[in-house]
Protein backbone atom coordinates (compact mmCIF):
# COMPACT_ATOMS: atom_id res chain seq x y z
CA UNK A 1 -7.58 76.05 53.96
CA UNK A 2 -10.24 78.68 55.02
CA UNK A 3 -11.81 81.18 52.42
CA UNK A 4 -9.22 83.73 53.04
CA UNK A 5 -6.31 81.81 52.27
CA UNK A 6 -4.55 80.68 49.22
CA UNK A 7 -2.32 77.82 48.48
CA UNK A 8 1.53 79.41 47.13
CA UNK A 9 3.82 76.15 46.32
CA UNK A 10 7.49 77.45 47.12
CA UNK A 11 10.36 75.85 44.88
CA UNK A 12 13.21 74.92 46.95
CA UNK A 13 17.05 75.26 45.38
CA UNK A 14 17.39 70.94 45.95
CA UNK A 15 14.25 70.90 43.66
CA UNK A 16 12.09 69.98 46.20
CA UNK A 17 8.54 72.28 47.08
CA UNK A 18 6.41 73.47 49.82
CA UNK A 19 2.70 74.24 49.59
CA UNK A 20 1.58 77.07 51.92
CA UNK A 21 -1.66 78.01 52.29
CA UNK A 22 -1.32 81.56 54.11
CA UNK A 23 -3.55 84.61 54.24
CA UNK A 24 -4.81 86.74 51.36
CA UNK A 25 -3.64 89.90 52.94
CA UNK A 26 -0.24 88.41 54.01
CA UNK A 27 3.05 90.25 53.58
CA UNK A 28 6.33 88.98 51.45
CA UNK A 29 7.74 88.60 55.34
CA UNK A 30 5.26 86.38 56.50
CA UNK A 31 5.51 84.00 53.90
CA UNK A 32 9.41 84.06 54.33
CA UNK A 33 8.48 83.33 58.13
CA UNK A 34 6.67 80.41 57.02
CA UNK A 35 9.36 79.11 54.97
CA UNK A 36 12.26 78.81 57.44
CA UNK A 37 10.43 77.50 59.97
CA UNK A 38 9.32 74.42 57.78
CA UNK A 39 13.08 74.08 57.15
CA UNK A 40 13.94 75.06 60.38
CA UNK A 41 16.32 78.10 59.19
CA UNK A 42 17.58 80.33 61.58
CA UNK A 43 19.61 82.56 59.84
CA UNK A 44 18.75 83.26 56.19
CA UNK A 45 20.47 85.78 55.48
CA UNK A 46 21.45 85.30 52.21
CA UNK A 47 17.95 84.23 50.66
CA UNK A 48 15.08 85.68 49.64
CA UNK A 49 11.51 84.74 47.40
CA UNK A 50 11.12 85.38 44.10
CA UNK A 51 8.99 85.16 41.08
CA UNK A 52 9.50 84.91 37.68
CA UNK A 53 8.47 87.20 34.93
CA UNK A 54 10.01 86.73 31.56
CA UNK A 55 13.03 84.21 32.77
CA UNK A 56 13.84 86.91 35.66
CA UNK A 57 14.04 86.08 39.04
CA UNK A 58 12.35 89.43 40.55
CA UNK A 59 12.90 89.17 44.00
CA UNK A 60 9.70 89.84 46.67
CA UNK A 61 10.49 93.05 48.92
CA UNK A 62 9.37 91.19 51.89
CA UNK A 63 7.73 94.60 53.61
CA UNK A 64 5.10 94.52 50.57
CA UNK A 65 2.21 92.24 50.60
CA UNK A 66 1.89 89.78 48.04
CA UNK A 67 -0.73 90.99 45.92
CA UNK A 68 1.80 93.39 44.73
CA UNK A 69 3.15 90.19 42.64
CA UNK A 70 0.59 88.03 42.36
CA UNK A 71 -2.12 88.13 39.59
CA UNK A 72 -5.71 89.74 40.21
CA UNK A 73 -6.95 85.84 40.88
CA UNK A 74 -5.26 85.95 43.98
CA UNK A 75 -7.88 88.02 45.81
CA UNK A 76 -10.78 85.65 44.53
CA UNK A 77 -12.24 82.96 46.15
CA UNK A 78 -12.62 79.40 45.42
CA UNK A 79 -14.24 78.68 41.83
CA UNK A 80 -18.09 78.52 42.17
CA UNK A 81 -20.07 75.38 42.10
CA UNK A 82 -16.26 73.18 42.37
CA UNK A 83 -15.72 74.89 45.64
CA UNK A 84 -12.32 73.93 45.11
CA UNK A 85 -9.02 76.74 44.39
CA UNK A 86 -7.60 77.25 41.01
CA UNK A 87 -3.76 75.66 41.40
CA UNK A 88 -1.86 77.12 43.81
CA UNK A 89 1.13 80.54 43.24
CA UNK A 90 4.50 79.50 42.57
CA UNK A 91 7.69 81.69 44.59
CA UNK A 92 11.11 80.57 44.68
CA UNK A 93 13.20 80.21 47.58
CA UNK A 94 16.90 81.46 46.65
CA UNK A 95 19.94 82.92 47.32
CA UNK A 96 19.52 86.27 47.36
CA UNK A 97 22.96 87.55 47.90
CA UNK A 98 26.01 85.28 46.68
CA UNK A 99 29.04 85.22 49.01
CA UNK A 100 32.45 84.00 48.08
CA UNK A 101 32.91 82.29 51.11
CA UNK A 102 30.59 79.15 52.50
CA UNK A 103 32.26 79.86 56.20
CA UNK A 104 29.98 83.01 56.24
CA UNK A 105 26.50 81.07 56.15
CA UNK A 106 26.48 80.00 59.94
CA UNK A 107 23.24 78.01 59.20
CA UNK A 108 23.44 74.79 58.00
CA UNK A 109 20.66 74.04 56.90
CA UNK A 110 21.01 77.15 54.86
CA UNK A 111 24.42 76.36 53.59
CA UNK A 112 23.18 73.03 51.90
CA UNK A 113 20.26 75.09 50.35
CA UNK A 114 22.68 77.41 49.06
CA UNK A 115 25.24 74.69 47.67
CA UNK A 116 22.01 73.28 46.06
CA UNK A 117 21.62 76.33 44.54
CA UNK A 118 24.82 76.72 43.11
CA UNK A 119 25.63 73.27 42.19
CA UNK A 120 22.55 73.89 40.06
CA UNK A 121 24.43 76.90 38.25
CA UNK A 122 27.13 74.85 37.76
CA UNK A 123 24.97 72.82 35.30
CA UNK A 124 24.02 75.63 33.38
CA UNK A 125 27.52 76.88 33.49
CA UNK A 126 29.28 77.64 29.62
CA UNK A 127 32.54 78.62 30.66
CA UNK A 128 34.11 76.61 27.97
CA UNK A 129 37.90 78.04 28.87
CA UNK A 130 37.66 76.78 32.29
CA UNK A 131 37.14 72.62 31.82
CA UNK A 132 39.58 71.32 34.11
CA UNK A 133 37.64 73.14 37.04
CA UNK A 134 33.79 71.88 36.18
CA UNK A 135 35.75 68.24 37.05
CA UNK A 136 36.95 69.98 40.45
CA UNK A 137 33.70 71.07 41.35
CA UNK A 138 32.22 67.38 40.39
CA UNK A 139 34.71 65.70 42.76
CA UNK A 140 34.02 67.70 45.33
CA UNK A 141 30.11 67.69 45.16
CA UNK A 142 31.26 63.83 44.78
CA UNK A 143 32.39 63.85 48.07
CA UNK A 144 29.83 66.11 49.68
CA UNK A 145 26.97 63.52 48.59
CA UNK A 146 28.77 59.97 48.62
CA UNK A 147 31.50 60.44 50.93
CA UNK A 148 35.10 58.75 50.32
CA UNK A 149 34.90 56.67 47.24
CA UNK A 150 35.55 53.18 47.87
CA UNK A 151 36.84 50.70 45.41
CA UNK A 152 34.05 48.03 46.58
CA UNK A 153 31.51 50.42 46.24
CA UNK A 154 31.77 52.81 43.30
CA UNK A 155 32.19 51.00 40.66
CA UNK A 156 30.79 51.79 37.17
CA UNK A 157 28.56 54.08 36.94
CA UNK A 158 27.91 55.00 40.27
CA UNK A 159 26.74 58.71 39.60
CA UNK A 160 25.08 60.20 36.89
CA UNK A 161 27.28 62.67 34.27
CA UNK A 162 24.40 64.60 34.35
CA UNK A 163 24.21 65.39 37.60
CA UNK A 164 27.63 66.77 38.03
CA UNK A 165 28.35 67.95 34.80
CA UNK A 166 27.32 71.00 32.34
CA UNK A 167 25.61 69.14 29.02
CA UNK A 168 28.36 70.94 27.08
CA UNK A 169 31.14 68.97 28.72
CA UNK A 170 29.24 65.87 28.23
CA UNK A 171 28.40 66.43 24.68
CA UNK A 172 32.43 67.12 23.72
CA UNK A 173 33.92 64.68 26.20
CA UNK A 174 31.40 61.74 26.81
CA UNK A 175 30.23 59.75 29.17
CA UNK A 176 32.64 56.83 28.86
CA UNK A 177 35.08 59.49 29.31
CA UNK A 178 33.34 61.15 32.46
CA UNK A 179 32.93 57.63 33.70
CA UNK A 180 36.86 56.90 33.91
CA UNK A 181 38.32 59.85 34.55
CA UNK A 182 35.63 61.72 37.46
CA UNK A 183 36.32 59.07 40.00
CA UNK A 184 39.81 59.23 39.94
CA UNK A 185 40.01 62.75 40.95
CA UNK A 186 36.83 61.77 43.60
CA UNK A 187 39.57 59.42 45.31
CA UNK A 188 42.13 62.15 45.79
CA UNK A 189 39.68 63.84 47.97
CA UNK A 190 39.64 61.09 50.62
CA UNK A 191 39.57 62.06 54.39
CA UNK A 192 37.64 65.25 53.47
CA UNK A 193 34.41 65.72 55.94
CA UNK A 194 30.81 66.74 53.36
CA UNK A 195 31.38 70.10 54.91
CA UNK A 196 34.32 70.70 54.10
CA UNK A 197 33.86 69.07 50.48
CA UNK A 198 30.81 71.67 50.18
CA UNK A 199 32.82 74.81 51.40
CA UNK A 200 35.16 74.07 48.69
CA UNK A 201 32.82 73.97 46.33
CA UNK A 202 31.15 77.09 47.12
CA UNK A 203 34.76 78.88 46.83
CA UNK A 204 35.86 77.49 43.98
CA UNK A 205 32.41 77.87 41.52
CA UNK A 206 33.23 81.60 41.95
CA UNK A 207 36.13 80.96 39.50
CA UNK A 208 33.14 80.34 37.26
CA UNK A 209 32.40 83.56 35.79
CA UNK A 210 29.02 82.95 35.12
CA UNK A 211 27.94 81.31 38.41
CA UNK A 212 27.64 83.33 41.77
CA UNK A 213 25.68 85.97 39.31
CA UNK A 214 22.02 87.57 38.50
CA UNK A 215 20.96 88.64 35.35
CA UNK A 216 18.58 91.24 33.76
CA UNK A 217 17.36 92.20 30.37
CA UNK A 218 17.89 95.93 29.64
CA UNK A 219 17.32 97.89 26.60
CA UNK A 220 19.66 99.89 24.52
CA UNK A 221 17.06 101.88 23.49
CA UNK A 222 13.41 102.91 24.73
CA UNK A 223 11.92 101.96 21.38
CA UNK A 224 13.64 98.94 20.90
CA UNK A 225 11.13 95.61 20.92
CA UNK A 226 14.09 93.17 22.28
CA UNK A 227 16.81 93.60 24.83
CA UNK A 228 19.95 93.20 23.60
CA UNK A 229 21.43 94.37 26.91
CA UNK A 230 22.43 92.83 29.75
CA UNK A 231 23.17 93.34 33.38
CA UNK A 232 25.45 90.71 35.58
CA UNK A 233 24.97 91.45 39.20
CA UNK A 234 28.47 90.05 40.24
CA UNK A 235 30.26 89.28 43.34
CA UNK A 236 31.98 92.37 43.36
CA UNK A 237 30.33 94.68 41.11
CA UNK A 238 28.96 94.60 37.81
CA UNK A 239 29.34 92.94 34.20
CA UNK A 240 27.16 94.61 31.50
CA UNK A 241 26.96 92.26 27.98
CA UNK A 242 25.91 92.00 24.92
CA UNK A 243 23.57 89.48 23.29
CA UNK A 244 24.35 89.06 20.13
CA UNK A 245 22.70 85.94 17.93
CA UNK A 246 22.06 83.64 22.13
CA UNK A 247 25.55 84.84 22.33
CA UNK A 248 26.83 87.11 25.55
CA UNK A 249 29.57 89.52 24.94
CA UNK A 250 31.11 91.17 27.67
CA UNK A 251 30.98 94.88 27.70
CA UNK A 252 31.83 96.55 30.55
CA UNK A 253 33.15 94.67 33.69
CA UNK A 254 32.43 97.86 36.76
CA UNK A 255 33.68 96.29 40.58
CA UNK A 256 31.79 98.88 43.18
CA UNK A 257 35.32 100.45 43.63
CA UNK A 258 34.92 101.98 39.64
CA UNK A 259 30.97 103.04 39.95
CA UNK A 260 30.40 106.51 41.02
CA UNK A 261 26.92 106.65 40.30
CA UNK A 262 23.64 104.86 39.73
CA UNK A 263 20.87 106.58 38.55
CA UNK A 264 16.85 105.29 37.53
CA UNK A 265 14.30 107.90 35.90
CA UNK A 266 11.73 106.26 35.64
CA UNK A 267 12.55 103.48 33.15
CA UNK A 268 15.86 105.05 32.11
CA UNK A 269 19.14 103.61 33.43
CA UNK A 270 22.46 105.72 34.15
CA UNK A 271 25.79 104.67 34.67
CA UNK A 272 28.01 106.82 35.94
CA UNK A 273 31.67 105.05 35.93
CA UNK A 274 34.17 106.56 38.53
CA UNK A 275 36.24 109.37 37.53
CA UNK A 276 34.98 110.22 34.04
CA UNK A 277 33.27 113.00 32.62
CA UNK A 278 28.93 112.90 32.78
CA UNK A 279 29.42 112.99 28.60
CA UNK A 280 31.05 108.97 29.14
CA UNK A 281 27.75 107.63 31.69
CA UNK A 282 26.12 104.42 30.00
CA UNK A 283 22.47 105.27 30.00
CA UNK A 284 19.56 101.95 29.31
CA UNK A 285 15.88 101.11 29.83
CA UNK A 286 14.67 98.34 31.94
CA UNK A 287 11.63 98.73 30.80
CA UNK A 288 8.94 99.31 33.76
CA UNK A 289 8.96 101.83 36.50
CA UNK A 290 8.54 99.19 39.03
CA UNK A 291 11.47 96.95 37.09
CA UNK A 292 13.80 100.22 37.92
CA UNK A 293 12.79 99.71 41.84
CA UNK A 294 13.64 96.08 41.94
CA UNK A 295 17.14 96.47 40.29
CA UNK A 296 17.79 99.83 42.51
CA UNK A 297 17.06 97.57 45.78
CA UNK A 298 18.69 94.54 44.68
CA UNK A 299 22.30 96.75 43.74
CA UNK A 300 21.93 99.05 46.87
CA UNK A 301 21.40 96.24 48.98
CA UNK A 302 24.07 94.23 47.13
CA UNK A 303 26.82 96.73 47.61
CA UNK A 304 26.47 97.85 51.39
CA UNK A 305 26.33 93.72 51.99
CA UNK A 306 29.67 93.38 49.80
CA UNK A 307 31.70 96.34 52.21
CA UNK A 308 30.58 95.45 55.43
CA UNK A 309 31.58 91.32 54.84
CA UNK A 310 35.05 92.53 53.43
CA UNK A 311 36.89 92.31 57.30
CA UNK A 312 35.01 89.06 57.56
CA UNK A 313 36.05 88.00 54.68
CA UNK A 314 39.97 88.99 55.71
CA UNK A 315 39.56 87.19 59.49
CA UNK A 316 38.51 83.80 57.18
CA UNK A 317 41.35 84.57 54.62
CA UNK A 318 43.31 84.34 57.36
CA UNK A 319 42.22 81.61 59.63
CA UNK A 320 42.25 79.34 56.21
CA UNK A 321 45.96 80.63 55.23
CA UNK A 322 47.23 79.18 58.97
CA UNK A 323 45.08 75.70 58.47
CA UNK A 324 47.00 75.60 55.23
CA UNK A 325 50.32 76.08 56.35
CA UNK A 326 49.86 73.52 59.06
CA UNK A 327 48.25 71.26 56.70
CA UNK A 328 51.41 71.82 54.73
CA UNK A 329 54.10 71.18 57.20
CA UNK A 330 52.79 68.09 57.98
CA UNK A 331 51.95 66.67 54.78
CA UNK A 332 56.08 68.00 54.58
CA UNK A 333 57.21 65.90 57.62
CA UNK A 334 54.50 62.79 56.54
CA UNK A 335 56.36 62.65 53.59
CA UNK A 336 59.83 63.19 54.80
CA UNK A 337 59.40 60.41 57.28
CA UNK A 338 58.26 57.99 54.19
CA UNK A 339 61.72 58.88 52.73
CA UNK A 340 63.62 57.39 55.83
CA UNK A 341 61.36 54.02 55.98
CA UNK A 342 62.91 50.82 54.45
CA UNK A 343 60.49 49.57 51.47
CA UNK A 344 58.87 46.74 53.50
CA UNK A 345 57.59 49.71 55.85
CA UNK A 346 57.22 51.72 52.91
CA UNK A 347 54.83 50.35 51.28
CA UNK A 348 52.86 49.49 54.38
CA UNK A 349 53.02 53.30 55.24
CA UNK A 350 51.74 54.32 51.84
CA UNK A 351 48.75 51.65 51.91
CA UNK A 352 46.33 54.05 53.72
CA UNK A 353 44.97 57.33 52.44
CA UNK A 354 48.01 59.67 53.22
CA UNK A 355 48.35 59.87 49.72
CA UNK A 356 45.72 60.67 48.49
CA UNK A 357 45.33 63.14 51.20
CA UNK A 358 48.28 64.29 50.22
CA UNK A 359 47.43 64.99 46.39
CA UNK A 360 44.28 66.54 47.92
CA UNK A 361 46.48 68.83 50.09
CA UNK A 362 48.67 70.50 47.44
CA UNK A 363 45.31 70.93 45.19
CA UNK A 364 43.56 72.69 47.67
CA UNK A 365 46.75 74.85 48.20
CA UNK A 366 46.55 75.88 44.72
CA UNK A 367 42.58 76.36 44.97
CA UNK A 368 43.29 78.50 47.45
CA UNK A 369 45.85 80.90 46.04
CA UNK A 370 43.74 81.49 43.35
CA UNK A 371 41.47 83.98 45.21
CA UNK A 372 43.15 86.96 45.89
CA UNK A 373 41.92 89.93 47.77
CA UNK A 374 38.79 91.56 46.32
CA UNK A 375 40.79 94.99 45.97
CA UNK A 376 38.61 97.41 47.48
CA UNK A 377 39.01 99.28 50.61
CA UNK A 378 36.13 100.98 51.61
CA UNK A 379 36.11 104.39 53.35
CA UNK A 380 34.30 107.49 54.01
CA UNK A 381 33.50 108.19 50.32
CA UNK A 382 31.17 105.08 49.91
CA UNK A 383 27.95 106.70 50.34
CA UNK A 384 24.08 104.54 48.76
CA UNK A 385 21.32 107.42 48.35
CA UNK A 386 17.81 107.16 47.28
CA UNK A 387 15.50 110.25 45.56
CA UNK A 388 12.10 109.74 44.92
CA UNK A 389 8.62 111.31 44.70
CA UNK A 390 6.70 111.98 47.62
CA UNK A 391 3.56 109.92 46.24
CA UNK A 392 5.46 106.63 46.96
CA UNK A 393 7.70 106.69 49.59
CA UNK A 394 10.99 103.92 49.18
CA UNK A 395 13.41 102.22 51.56
CA UNK A 396 16.39 100.71 51.28
CA UNK A 397 16.37 98.73 54.40
CA UNK A 398 17.83 94.77 53.99
CA UNK A 399 15.97 92.73 52.05
CA UNK A 400 13.99 90.89 54.98
CA UNK A 401 13.56 91.69 58.57
CA UNK A 402 16.05 89.05 59.44
CA UNK A 403 18.48 90.43 57.54
CA UNK A 404 18.88 93.41 60.04
CA UNK A 405 20.24 91.47 62.40
CA UNK A 406 23.03 90.43 60.52
CA UNK A 407 23.70 93.31 59.12
CA UNK A 408 24.16 95.18 62.32
CA UNK A 409 26.53 92.02 62.84
CA UNK A 410 28.78 91.88 60.05
CA UNK A 411 28.87 95.67 59.83
CA UNK A 412 30.62 96.29 63.23
CA UNK A 413 33.47 94.48 61.07
CA UNK A 414 34.35 97.40 59.37
CA UNK A 415 36.28 100.63 60.41
CA UNK A 416 34.33 103.21 57.90
CA UNK A 417 31.16 104.57 58.14
CA UNK A 418 29.39 103.79 55.61
CA UNK A 419 25.46 104.95 55.41
CA UNK A 420 21.92 105.31 53.70
CA UNK A 421 20.33 108.32 52.92
CA UNK A 422 16.72 108.52 51.98
CA UNK A 423 15.48 111.78 50.52
CA UNK A 424 12.07 112.26 49.04
CA UNK A 425 10.91 115.53 46.83
CA UNK A 426 7.91 116.02 45.52
CA UNK A 427 8.18 117.17 41.48
CA UNK A 428 5.07 118.99 40.97
CA UNK A 429 6.18 121.40 44.02
CA UNK A 430 9.50 121.58 42.24
CA UNK A 431 11.89 120.59 45.26
CA UNK A 432 9.69 122.03 47.83
CA UNK A 433 9.84 119.48 50.32
CA UNK A 434 12.92 117.28 50.99
CA UNK A 435 13.47 115.00 54.28
CA UNK A 436 16.30 113.08 54.39
CA UNK A 437 17.30 110.57 56.91
CA UNK A 438 20.94 108.89 57.33
CA UNK A 439 20.99 105.61 59.11
CA UNK A 440 24.89 104.44 60.13
CA UNK A 441 25.37 100.71 59.97
CA UNK A 442 29.17 100.19 60.98
CA UNK A 443 30.72 100.34 64.40
CA UNK A 444 33.69 98.80 65.05
CA UNK A 445 33.67 96.92 67.75
CA UNK A 446 32.14 93.32 67.58
CA UNK A 447 34.55 92.23 64.66
CA UNK A 448 36.52 90.24 66.87
CA UNK A 449 33.21 88.58 68.14
CA UNK A 450 31.79 87.76 64.35
CA UNK A 451 35.26 86.55 63.52
CA UNK A 452 35.29 83.64 66.71
CA UNK A 453 31.72 82.71 65.86
CA UNK A 454 31.50 82.49 62.17
CA UNK A 455 35.21 80.31 62.66
CA UNK A 456 33.38 78.18 65.40
CA UNK A 457 30.05 77.42 64.18
CA UNK A 458 31.16 77.33 60.22
CA UNK A 459 33.96 78.56 58.91
CA UNK A 460 19.06 81.13 36.72
CA UNK A 461 17.04 79.90 34.78
CA UNK A 462 13.64 78.47 35.51
CA UNK A 463 12.14 76.05 34.36
CA UNK A 464 8.53 77.36 34.40
CA UNK A 465 7.04 81.15 33.41
CA UNK A 466 3.81 82.76 35.29
CA UNK A 467 2.21 85.68 34.29
CA UNK A 468 1.85 88.66 37.01
CA UNK A 469 -0.35 91.40 36.42
CA UNK A 470 2.00 94.59 36.54
CA UNK A 471 -0.59 97.45 34.76
CA UNK A 472 -1.63 98.87 38.15
CA UNK A 473 1.81 98.69 39.79
CA UNK A 474 3.68 100.49 36.72
CA UNK A 475 0.63 103.33 36.47
CA UNK A 476 2.30 104.61 39.30
CA UNK A 477 3.84 108.07 39.64
CA UNK A 478 7.16 107.97 37.27
CA UNK A 479 10.13 108.42 40.74
CA UNK A 480 13.85 108.94 40.14
CA UNK A 481 16.03 106.81 42.03
CA UNK A 482 19.69 108.00 42.18
CA UNK A 483 22.22 105.13 44.09
CA UNK A 484 25.78 106.79 44.68
CA UNK A 485 28.70 104.70 45.04
């Protein structure tokens, strides 16, 4: 490693890690490209790099230099006398944008890493009223990891309950109960390929509201010492929680269609519900202007991605419904034939895996029907805008360059016109300078091509803390950000 390089430890969703030497002046995009090259991921659309501050994942703006996120020691040369650099700086390669259907992830390696992170999220989930979902997810995970259940192979404790169930279920039911009943559900998945089981796991995990979500703490009042409000960025919008005695109580559920305006004024964060007077807006505080900027970028990119993938999801749902109907007809014909066989042939016919497969088809139909449509039809009024001071330009481009190709293709499936307006003003000159650019992201021509491509190819709580130097960032001029939905 040369004097102009530093060591970065990249933590992966599968609990492995990469040690990468990279230049001191490198940008986030350079590090992200190196990680994707090492993992041989060609389409990392839904992933990003994050650093951890106060137990929150701050996703790196890949256009910025790493020095914006790492402490001052990042620039220092090797320690005098030793010739060695200090410990590597920690970065997480993780899911930045959750999806409700794994078929949207075309890259096989990326899909596996996505599964690993969601599986880890399930282990931390605490939806105590949906205990049966955890057993079903464990069955899918065992099928994806170990394959078909075999009586002569999977004996006794052939898996660790801690690797497939949250601790609260283990405490409530006990390991003996889990080791007795989980294999039965695992055996019912007989015939599912590892890919099919993985996709079902991703889809069914969305039934747990605390799994596909990013959490960020907010202050109810700017003078509050502790953050008692939690913002949850979900698949379809935002949740606002109040935390009391380490328990989260849901206060507001805002689908994107119910959010009229999000405004960031320095540390101030305002939510204007759609159709309500301005007096009914919610006001919270982020703690610092840089954090406000990060939240704005994550919220606006997530909203745009949500709108753009809806047409593709509709195509996928139709394809899945067609496949389910086909499996149902085959299962019905199979059951009818079985009834017509004589007892001897019936025993012979039922000795295979058809019984497990039939039960699995019925289970799959039940779980599939639990997913309704998103309930949002995007129209021309869905727009996003950003307003800020000219001394710190800001772009609401996708989180990294590799997403540009994805956005340009995904957005083709939308029949409306959605865009981003970038405005700037100098507050000292009282709006004397204004500059506005509109970027159209939709083109309705390649929808069918994308759907065929997807169907053909593939159809939080970190255990560490790392201190960062944010003083230089927070000392920048206060900006006003406004995100209109």
